[in-house]
């Protein structure tokens, strides 16, 4: 990845089709990136607290993004507001 035409670094992105990310998966991913990348990100539907703690360990360059946080960030960036309607409300 090249930033601003001046800086470059190796970046790994992982997205798994699993419901919940556990700390063991974070350890495996971090181990796979050692010596291959400077920074990494993992995107999943749900990230558990122990996985977040594992990713935040000293010296880690791994970011975790859960599906809900990603959705909120994208909606905010695009200026989308989500309205929730009760059962039977057709939104009109």
PDB file of N, CA and C in Angstrom:
ATOM      1  N   UNK A   1       0.856  -1.157   0.000  1.00  0.00           N
ATOM      2  CA  UNK A   1       0.000   0.000   0.000  1.00  0.00           C
ATOM      3  C   UNK A   1       0.903   1.221   0.000  1.00  0.00           C
ATOM      4  N   UNK A   2       0.569   2.207  -0.817  1.00  0.00           N
ATOM      5  CA  UNK A   2       1.337   3.447  -0.877  1.00  0.00           C
ATOM      6  C   UNK A   2       0.438   4.595  -0.417  1.00  0.00           C
ATOM      7  N   UNK A   3       0.948   5.405   0.501  1.00  0.00           N
ATOM      8  CA  UNK A   3       0.197   6.512   1.073  1.00  0.00           C
ATOM      9  C   UNK A   3       0.820   7.828   0.614  1.00  0.00           C
ATOM     10  N   UNK A   4       0.025   8.644  -0.052  1.00  0.00           N
ATOM     11  CA  UNK A   4       0.490   9.958  -0.476  1.00  0.00           C
ATOM     12  C   UNK A   4       1.670   9.937  -1.421  1.00  0.00           C
ATOM     13  N   UNK A   5       1.951   8.811  -2.038  1.00  0.00           N
ATOM     14  CA  UNK A   5       3.063   8.704  -2.950  1.00  0.00           C
ATOM     15  C   UNK A   5       4.424   8.698  -2.271  1.00  0.00           C
ATOM     16  N   UNK A   6       4.449   8.806  -0.957  1.00  0.00           N
ATOM     17  CA  UNK A   6       5.717   8.875  -0.232  1.00  0.00           C
ATOM     18  C   UNK A   6       6.004   7.649   0.609  1.00  0.00           C
ATOM     19  N   UNK A   7       5.003   7.164   1.305  1.00  0.00           N
ATOM     20  CA  UNK A   7       5.186   6.055   2.228  1.00  0.00           C
ATOM     21  C   UNK A   7       4.584   4.785   1.640  1.00  0.00           C
ATOM     22  N   UNK A   8       5.233   3.680   1.891  1.00  0.00           N
ATOM     23  CA  UNK A   8       4.644   2.407   1.486  1.00  0.00           C
ATOM     24  C   UNK A   8       4.828   1.399   2.613  1.00  0.00           C
ATOM     25  N   UNK A   9       3.892   0.492   2.708  1.00  0.00           N
ATOM     26  CA  UNK A   9       3.974  -0.557   3.705  1.00  0.00           C
ATOM     27  C   UNK A   9       3.116  -1.732   3.262  1.00  0.00           C
ATOM     28  N   UNK A  10       3.419  -2.894   3.801  1.00  0.00           N
ATOM     29  CA  UNK A  10       2.660  -4.107   3.488  1.00  0.00           C
ATOM     30  C   UNK A  10       1.466  -4.190   4.426  1.00  0.00           C
ATOM     31  N   UNK A  11       0.303  -4.486   3.869  1.00  0.00           N
ATOM     32  CA  UNK A  11      -0.945  -4.526   4.631  1.00  0.00           C
ATOM     33  C   UNK A  11      -1.682  -5.812   4.299  1.00  0.00           C
ATOM     34  N   UNK A  12      -2.163  -6.506   5.327  1.00  0.00           N
ATOM     35  CA  UNK A  12      -2.946  -7.733   5.133  1.00  0.00           C
ATOM     36  C   UNK A  12      -4.343  -7.491   5.680  1.00  0.00           C
ATOM     37  N   UNK A  13      -5.345  -7.920   4.917  1.00  0.00           N
ATOM     38  CA  UNK A  13      -6.738  -7.787   5.338  1.00  0.00           C
ATOM     39  C   UNK A  13      -7.361  -9.174   5.327  1.00  0.00           C
ATOM     40  N   UNK A  14      -8.058  -9.521   6.403  1.00  0.00           N
ATOM     41  CA  UNK A  14      -8.710 -10.825   6.488  1.00  0.00           C
ATOM     42  C   UNK A  14     -10.176 -10.633   6.835  1.00  0.00           C
ATOM     43  N   UNK A  15     -11.016 -11.343   6.122  1.00  0.00           N
ATOM     44  CA  UNK A  15     -12.450 -11.326   6.401  1.00  0.00           C
ATOM     45  C   UNK A  15     -12.918 -12.775   6.388  1.00  0.00           C
ATOM     46  N   UNK A  16     -13.422 -13.239   7.526  1.00  0.00           N
ATOM     47  CA  UNK A  16     -13.875 -14.629   7.629  1.00  0.00           C
ATOM     48  C   UNK A  16     -15.387 -14.691   7.704  1.00  0.00           C
ATOM     49  N   UNK A  17     -15.940 -15.743   7.186  1.00  0.00           N
ATOM     50  CA  UNK A  17     -17.379 -15.941   7.229  1.00  0.00           C
ATOM     51  C   UNK A  17     -17.747 -16.801   8.434  1.00  0.00           C
ATOM     52  N   UNK A  18     -17.421 -16.282   9.607  1.00  0.00           N
ATOM     53  CA  UNK A  18     -17.771 -16.966  10.845  1.00  0.00           C
ATOM     54  C   UNK A  18     -18.602 -16.001  11.685  1.00  0.00           C
ATOM     55  N   UNK A  19     -19.385 -16.537  12.566  1.00  0.00           N
ATOM     56  CA  UNK A  19     -20.259 -15.711  13.391  1.00  0.00           C
ATOM     57  C   UNK A  19     -19.502 -14.943  14.462  1.00  0.00           C
ATOM     58  N   UNK A  20     -18.505 -15.586  15.080  1.00  0.00           N
ATOM     59  CA  UNK A  20     -17.819 -14.988  16.220  1.00  0.00           C
ATOM     60  C   UNK A  20     -16.314 -15.191  16.100  1.00  0.00           C
ATOM     61  N   UNK A  21     -15.566 -14.135  16.347  1.00  0.00           N
ATOM     62  CA  UNK A  21     -14.114 -14.209  16.298  1.00  0.00           C
ATOM     63  C   UNK A  21     -13.572 -14.417  17.713  1.00  0.00           C
ATOM     64  N   UNK A  22     -12.818 -15.480  17.905  1.00  0.00           N
ATOM     65  CA  UNK A  22     -12.223 -15.789  19.197  1.00  0.00           C
ATOM     66  C   UNK A  22     -10.733 -15.445  19.193  1.00  0.00           C
ATOM     67  N   UNK A  23     -10.147 -15.373  20.383  1.00  0.00           N
ATOM     68  CA  UNK A  23      -8.743 -14.977  20.518  1.00  0.00           C
ATOM     69  C   UNK A  23      -7.792 -15.917  19.786  1.00  0.00           C
ATOM     70  N   UNK A  24      -8.099 -17.192  19.697  1.00  0.00           N
ATOM     71  CA  UNK A  24      -7.213 -18.137  19.012  1.00  0.00           C
ATOM     72  C   UNK A  24      -7.090 -17.770  17.533  1.00  0.00           C
ATOM     73  N   UNK A  25      -8.153 -17.325  16.911  1.00  0.00           N
ATOM     74  CA  UNK A  25      -8.096 -16.908  15.506  1.00  0.00           C
ATOM     75  C   UNK A  25      -7.243 -15.656  15.342  1.00  0.00           C
ATOM     76  N   UNK A  26      -7.301 -14.761  16.329  1.00  0.00           N
ATOM     77  CA  UNK A  26      -6.480 -13.550  16.294  1.00  0.00           C
ATOM     78  C   UNK A  26      -5.003 -13.918  16.408  1.00  0.00           C
ATOM     79  N   UNK A  27      -4.676 -14.837  17.313  1.00  0.00           N
ATOM     80  CA  UNK A  27      -3.287 -15.284  17.460  1.00  0.00           C
ATOM     81  C   UNK A  27      -2.783 -15.929  16.171  1.00  0.00           C
ATOM     82  N   UNK A  28      -3.604 -16.760  15.550  1.00  0.00           N
ATOM     83  CA  UNK A  28      -3.215 -17.412  14.298  1.00  0.00           C
ATOM     84  C   UNK A  28      -2.961 -16.393  13.198  1.00  0.00           C
ATOM     85  N   UNK A  29      -3.848 -15.409  13.086  1.00  0.00           N
ATOM     86  CA  UNK A  29      -3.705 -14.378  12.056  1.00  0.00           C
ATOM     87  C   UNK A  29      -2.458 -13.533  12.297  1.00  0.00           C
ATOM     88  N   UNK A  30      -2.242 -13.142  13.549  1.00  0.00           N
ATOM     89  CA  UNK A  30      -1.065 -12.342  13.866  1.00  0.00           C
ATOM     90  C   UNK A  30       0.208 -13.145  13.579  1.00  0.00           C
ATOM     91  N   UNK A  31       0.198 -14.427  13.900  1.00  0.00           N
ATOM     92  CA  UNK A  31       1.353 -15.272  13.603  1.00  0.00           C
ATOM     93  C   UNK A  31       1.619 -15.384  12.110  1.00  0.00           C
ATOM     94  N   UNK A  32       0.566 -15.439  11.317  1.00  0.00           N
ATOM     95  CA  UNK A  32       0.708 -15.531   9.862  1.00  0.00           C
ATOM     96  C   UNK A  32       1.267 -14.256   9.254  1.00  0.00           C
ATOM     97  N   UNK A  33       1.026 -13.116   9.891  1.00  0.00           N
ATOM     98  CA  UNK A  33       1.488 -11.852   9.314  1.00  0.00           C
ATOM     99  C   UNK A  33       2.914 -11.487   9.716  1.00  0.00           C
ATOM    100  N   UNK A  34       3.463 -12.141  10.737  1.00  0.00           N
ATOM    101  CA  UNK A  34       4.809 -11.821  11.212  1.00  0.00           C
ATOM    102  C   UNK A  34       5.806 -11.990  10.069  1.00  0.00           C
ATOM    103  N   UNK A  35       6.563 -10.937   9.805  1.00  0.00           N
ATOM    104  CA  UNK A  35       7.567 -10.969   8.750  1.00  0.00           C
ATOM    105  C   UNK A  35       7.015 -10.754   7.358  1.00  0.00           C
ATOM    106  N   UNK A  36       5.685 -10.677   7.233  1.00  0.00           N
ATOM    107  CA  UNK A  36       5.073 -10.502   5.915  1.00  0.00           C
ATOM    108  C   UNK A  36       4.395  -9.157   5.740  1.00  0.00           C
ATOM    109  N   UNK A  37       3.995  -8.530   6.850  1.00  0.00           N
ATOM    110  CA  UNK A  37       3.247  -7.279   6.749  1.00  0.00           C
ATOM    111  C   UNK A  37       3.557  -6.372   7.932  1.00  0.00           C
ATOM    112  N   UNK A  38       3.368  -5.076   7.709  1.00  0.00           N
ATOM    113  CA  UNK A  38       3.571  -4.079   8.751  1.00  0.00           C
ATOM    114  C   UNK A  38       2.295  -3.803   9.531  1.00  0.00           C
ATOM    115  N   UNK A  39       1.164  -4.028   8.904  1.00  0.00           N
ATOM    116  CA  UNK A  39      -0.145  -3.701   9.490  1.00  0.00           C
ATOM    117  C   UNK A  39      -1.161  -4.706   8.971  1.00  0.00           C
ATOM    118  N   UNK A  40      -2.188  -4.975   9.789  1.00  0.00           N
ATOM    119  CA  UNK A  40      -3.231  -5.913   9.374  1.00  0.00           C
ATOM    120  C   UNK A  40      -4.571  -5.501   9.958  1.00  0.00           C
ATOM    121  N   UNK A  41      -5.627  -5.935   9.310  1.00  0.00           N
ATOM    122  CA  UNK A  41      -6.988  -5.704   9.802  1.00  0.00           C
ATOM    123  C   UNK A  41      -7.797  -6.972   9.601  1.00  0.00           C
ATOM    124  N   UNK A  42      -8.674  -7.243  10.533  1.00  0.00           N
ATOM    125  CA  UNK A  42      -9.548  -8.403  10.464  1.00  0.00           C
ATOM    126  C   UNK A  42     -10.980  -7.924  10.602  1.00  0.00           C
ATOM    127  N   UNK A  43     -11.838  -8.319   9.680  1.00  0.00           N
ATOM    128  CA  UNK A  43     -13.240  -7.902   9.689  1.00  0.00           C
ATOM    129  C   UNK A  43     -14.113  -9.134   9.899  1.00  0.00           C
ATOM    130  N   UNK A  44     -15.003  -9.077  10.886  1.00  0.00           N
ATOM    131  CA  UNK A  44     -15.904 -10.180  11.197  1.00  0.00           C
ATOM    132  C   UNK A  44     -17.248  -9.643  11.632  1.00  0.00           C
ATOM    133  N   UNK A  45     -18.236 -10.519  11.659  1.00  0.00           N
ATOM    134  CA  UNK A  45     -19.578 -10.115  12.105  1.00  0.00           C
ATOM    135  C   UNK A  45     -19.592  -9.730  13.570  1.00  0.00           C
ATOM    136  N   UNK A  46     -18.937 -10.540  14.399  1.00  0.00           N
ATOM    137  CA  UNK A  46     -18.956 -10.322  15.841  1.00  0.00           C
ATOM    138  C   UNK A  46     -17.564 -10.598  16.394  1.00  0.00           C
ATOM    139  N   UNK A  47     -17.046  -9.672  17.193  1.00  0.00           N
ATOM    140  CA  UNK A  47     -15.723  -9.829  17.789  1.00  0.00           C
ATOM    141  C   UNK A  47     -15.887  -9.878  19.302  1.00  0.00           C
ATOM    142  N   UNK A  48     -15.397 -10.945  19.908  1.00  0.00           N
ATOM    143  CA  UNK A  48     -15.521 -11.093  21.351  1.00  0.00           C
ATOM    144  C   UNK A  48     -14.450 -10.299  22.089  1.00  0.00           C
ATOM    145  N   UNK A  49     -14.741  -9.997  23.363  1.00  0.00           N
ATOM    146  CA  UNK A  49     -13.838  -9.202  24.199  1.00  0.00           C
ATOM    147  C   UNK A  49     -12.455  -9.828  24.286  1.00  0.00           C
ATOM    148  N   UNK A  50     -12.360 -11.154  24.419  1.00  0.00           N
ATOM    149  CA  UNK A  50     -11.035 -11.779  24.528  1.00  0.00           C
ATOM    150  C   UNK A  50     -10.242 -11.637  23.230  1.00  0.00           C
ATOM    151  N   UNK A  51     -10.934 -11.608  22.102  1.00  0.00           N
ATOM    152  CA  UNK A  51     -10.257 -11.394  20.820  1.00  0.00           C
ATOM    153  C   UNK A  51      -9.728  -9.965  20.735  1.00  0.00           C
ATOM    154  N   UNK A  52     -10.514  -9.011  21.219  1.00  0.00           N
ATOM    155  CA  UNK A  52     -10.057  -7.613  21.234  1.00  0.00           C
ATOM    156  C   UNK A  52      -8.829  -7.450  22.130  1.00  0.00           C
ATOM    157  N   UNK A  53      -8.845  -8.103  23.282  1.00  0.00           N
ATOM    158  CA  UNK A  53      -7.709  -8.035  24.200  1.00  0.00           C
ATOM    159  C   UNK A  53      -6.467  -8.645  23.547  1.00  0.00           C
ATOM    160  N   UNK A  54      -6.650  -9.741  22.853  1.00  0.00           N
ATOM    161  CA  UNK A  54      -5.533 -10.393  22.159  1.00  0.00           C
ATOM    162  C   UNK A  54      -4.959  -9.482  21.073  1.00  0.00           C
ATOM    163  N   UNK A  55      -5.817  -8.815  20.330  1.00  0.00           N
ATOM    164  CA  UNK A  55      -5.370  -7.924  19.254  1.00  0.00           C
ATOM    165  C   UNK A  55      -4.681  -6.678  19.794  1.00  0.00           C
ATOM    166  N   UNK A  56      -5.025  -6.284  21.011  1.00  0.00           N
ATOM    167  CA  UNK A  56      -4.470  -5.063  21.603  1.00  0.00           C
ATOM    168  C   UNK A  56      -3.165  -5.305  22.370  1.00  0.00           C
ATOM    169  N   UNK A  57      -2.700  -6.530  22.370  1.00  0.00           N
ATOM    170  CA  UNK A  57      -1.460  -6.832  23.097  1.00  0.00           C
ATOM    171  C   UNK A  57      -0.318  -5.946  22.638  1.00  0.00           C
ATOM    172  N   UNK A  58       0.581  -5.675  23.513  1.00  0.00           N
ATOM    173  CA  UNK A  58       1.727  -4.799  23.238  1.00  0.00           C
ATOM    174  C   UNK A  58       2.454  -5.200  21.951  1.00  0.00           C
ATOM    175  N   UNK A  59       2.713  -4.225  21.117  1.00  0.00           N
ATOM    176  CA  UNK A  59       3.437  -4.466  19.877  1.00  0.00           C
ATOM    177  C   UNK A  59       2.578  -4.934  18.724  1.00  0.00           C
ATOM    178  N   UNK A  60       1.298  -5.123  18.960  1.00  0.00           N
ATOM    179  CA  UNK A  60       0.420  -5.608  17.907  1.00  0.00           C
ATOM    180  C   UNK A  60       0.103  -4.505  16.900  1.00  0.00           C
ATOM    181  N   UNK A  61       0.065  -4.876  15.654  1.00  0.00           N
ATOM    182  CA  UNK A  61      -0.317  -3.952  14.584  1.00  0.00           C
ATOM    183  C   UNK A  61      -1.561  -4.469  13.878  1.00  0.00           C
ATOM    184  N   UNK A  62      -2.433  -5.089  14.654  1.00  0.00           N
ATOM    185  CA  UNK A  62      -3.637  -5.706  14.122  1.00  0.00           C
ATOM    186  C   UNK A  62      -4.870  -4.960  14.626  1.00  0.00           C
ATOM    187  N   UNK A  63      -5.730  -4.564  13.702  1.00  0.00           N
ATOM    188  CA  UNK A  63      -6.992  -3.913  14.049  1.00  0.00           C
ATOM    189  C   UNK A  63      -8.141  -4.877  13.789  1.00  0.00           C
ATOM    190  N   UNK A  64      -9.098  -4.897  14.707  1.00  0.00           N
ATOM    191  CA  UNK A  64     -10.295  -5.714  14.534  1.00  0.00           C
ATOM    192  C   UNK A  64     -11.485  -4.804  14.263  1.00  0.00           C
ATOM    193  N   UNK A  65     -12.299  -5.187  13.300  1.00  0.00           N
ATOM    194  CA  UNK A  65     -13.500  -4.426  12.964  1.00  0.00           C
ATOM    195  C   UNK A  65     -14.661  -5.399  12.946  1.00  0.00           C
ATOM    196  N   UNK A  66     -15.681  -5.115  13.770  1.00  0.00           N
ATOM    197  CA  UNK A  66     -16.855  -5.983  13.740  1.00  0.00           C
ATOM    198  C   UNK A  66     -17.868  -5.396  12.755  1.00  0.00           C
ATOM    199  N   UNK A  67     -18.785  -6.231  12.308  1.00  0.00           N
ATOM    200  CA  UNK A  67     -19.755  -5.832  11.299  1.00  0.00           C
ATOM    201  C   UNK A  67     -20.591  -4.629  11.685  1.00  0.00           C
ATOM    202  N   UNK A  68     -21.025  -4.555  12.919  1.00  0.00           N
ATOM    203  CA  UNK A  68     -21.871  -3.448  13.355  1.00  0.00           C
ATOM    204  C   UNK A  68     -21.106  -2.123  13.336  1.00  0.00           C
ATOM    205  N   UNK A  69     -19.870  -2.140  13.839  1.00  0.00           N
ATOM    206  CA  UNK A  69     -19.049  -0.930  13.824  1.00  0.00           C
ATOM    207  C   UNK A  69     -18.791  -0.477  12.402  1.00  0.00           C
ATOM    208  N   UNK A  70     -18.495  -1.420  11.533  1.00  0.00           N
ATOM    209  CA  UNK A  70     -18.247  -1.093  10.119  1.00  0.00           C
ATOM    210  C   UNK A  70     -19.490  -0.481   9.486  1.00  0.00           C
ATOM    211  N   UNK A  71     -20.639  -1.054   9.760  1.00  0.00           N
ATOM    212  CA  UNK A  71     -21.891  -0.531   9.198  1.00  0.00           C
ATOM    213  C   UNK A  71     -22.155   0.881   9.693  1.00  0.00           C
ATOM    214  N   UNK A  72     -21.979   1.121  10.990  1.00  0.00           N
ATOM    215  CA  UNK A  72     -22.197   2.453  11.555  1.00  0.00           C
ATOM    216  C   UNK A  72     -21.240   3.469  10.948  1.00  0.00           C
ATOM    217  N   UNK A  73     -19.979   3.075  10.788  1.00  0.00           N
ATOM    218  CA  UNK A  73     -18.980   3.972  10.208  1.00  0.00           C
ATOM    219  C   UNK A  73     -19.343   4.331   8.775  1.00  0.00           C
ATOM    220  N   UNK A  74     -19.724   3.339   7.998  1.00  0.00           N
ATOM    221  CA  UNK A  74     -20.090   3.591   6.603  1.00  0.00           C
ATOM    222  C   UNK A  74     -21.334   4.466   6.508  1.00  0.00           C
ATOM    223  N   UNK A  75     -22.335   4.186   7.336  1.00  0.00           N
ATOM    224  CA  UNK A  75     -23.550   5.012   7.305  1.00  0.00           C
ATOM    225  C   UNK A  75     -23.228   6.446   7.667  1.00  0.00           C
ATOM    226  N   UNK A  76     -22.387   6.632   8.665  1.00  0.00           N
ATOM    227  CA  UNK A  76     -22.012   7.971   9.098  1.00  0.00           C
ATOM    228  C   UNK A  76     -21.250   8.704   7.994  1.00  0.00           C
ATOM    229  N   UNK A  77     -20.309   8.027   7.394  1.00  0.00           N
ATOM    230  CA  UNK A  77     -19.497   8.621   6.330  1.00  0.00           C
ATOM    231  C   UNK A  77     -20.338   9.014   5.125  1.00  0.00           C
ATOM    232  N   UNK A  78     -21.343   8.199   4.822  1.00  0.00           N
ATOM    233  CA  UNK A  78     -22.196   8.463   3.670  1.00  0.00           C
ATOM    234  C   UNK A  78     -23.378   9.360   4.007  1.00  0.00           C
ATOM    235  N   UNK A  79     -23.562   9.663   5.302  1.00  0.00           N
ATOM    236  CA  UNK A  79     -24.673  10.513   5.710  1.00  0.00           C
ATOM    237  C   UNK A  79     -26.017   9.793   5.685  1.00  0.00           C
ATOM    238  N   UNK A  80     -25.984   8.478   5.854  1.00  0.00           N
ATOM    239  CA  UNK A  80     -27.218   7.684   5.834  1.00  0.00           C
ATOM    240  C   UNK A  80     -27.780   7.600   7.245  1.00  0.00           C
ATOM    241  N   UNK A  81     -29.063   7.824   7.388  1.00  0.00           N
ATOM    242  CA  UNK A  81     -29.736   7.702   8.676  1.00  0.00           C
ATOM    243  C   UNK A  81     -30.738   6.559   8.577  1.00  0.00           C
ATOM    244  N   UNK A  82     -30.670   5.634   9.521  1.00  0.00           N
ATOM    245  CA  UNK A  82     -31.535   4.463   9.501  1.00  0.00           C
ATOM    246  C   UNK A  82     -32.711   4.695  10.431  1.00  0.00           C
ATOM    247  N   UNK A  83     -33.927   4.544   9.883  1.00  0.00           N
ATOM    248  CA  UNK A  83     -35.135   4.677  10.677  1.00  0.00           C
ATOM    249  C   UNK A  83     -35.710   3.297  10.930  1.00  0.00           C
ATOM    250  N   UNK A  84     -36.035   3.007  12.181  1.00  0.00           N
ATOM    251  CA  UNK A  84     -36.617   1.716  12.523  1.00  0.00           C
ATOM    252  C   UNK A  84     -38.120   1.885  12.655  1.00  0.00           C
ATOM    253  N   UNK A  85     -38.855   1.019  12.020  1.00  0.00           N
ATOM    254  CA  UNK A  85     -40.305   1.077  12.046  1.00  0.00           C
ATOM    255  C   UNK A  85     -40.856  -0.109  12.819  1.00  0.00           C
ATOM    256  N   UNK A  86     -41.943   0.116  13.528  1.00  0.00           N
ATOM    257  CA  UNK A  86     -42.580  -0.967  14.280  1.00  0.00           C
ATOM    258  C   UNK A  86     -43.260  -1.953  13.343  1.00  0.00           C
ATOM    259  N   UNK A  87     -43.616  -3.087  13.880  1.00  0.00           N
ATOM    260  CA  UNK A  87     -44.293  -4.124  13.107  1.00  0.00           C
ATOM    261  C   UNK A  87     -45.595  -3.576  12.529  1.00  0.00           C
ATOM    262  N   UNK A  88     -45.790  -3.819  11.246  1.00  0.00           N
ATOM    263  CA  UNK A  88     -47.021  -3.391  10.601  1.00  0.00           C
ATOM    264  C   UNK A  88     -46.938  -1.980  10.026  1.00  0.00           C
ATOM    265  N   UNK A  89     -45.899  -1.250  10.334  1.00  0.00           N
ATOM    266  CA  UNK A  89     -45.724   0.103   9.797  1.00  0.00           C
ATOM    267  C   UNK A  89     -45.082  -0.028   8.435  1.00  0.00           C
ATOM    268  N   UNK A  90     -45.716   0.509   7.414  1.00  0.00           N
ATOM    269  CA  UNK A  90     -45.186   0.373   6.063  1.00  0.00           C
ATOM    270  C   UNK A  90     -44.196   1.473   5.726  1.00  0.00           C
ATOM    271  N   UNK A  91     -43.880   2.333   6.686  1.00  0.00           N
ATOM    272  CA  UNK A  91     -42.897   3.359   6.471  1.00  0.00           C
ATOM    273  C   UNK A  91     -43.391   4.523   5.651  1.00  0.00           C
ATOM    274  N   UNK A  92     -44.664   4.563   5.310  1.00  0.00           N
ATOM    275  CA  UNK A  92     -45.181   5.611   4.433  1.00  0.00           C
ATOM    276  C   UNK A  92     -45.916   6.610   5.130  1.00  0.00           C
TER     277      UNK A  92
END
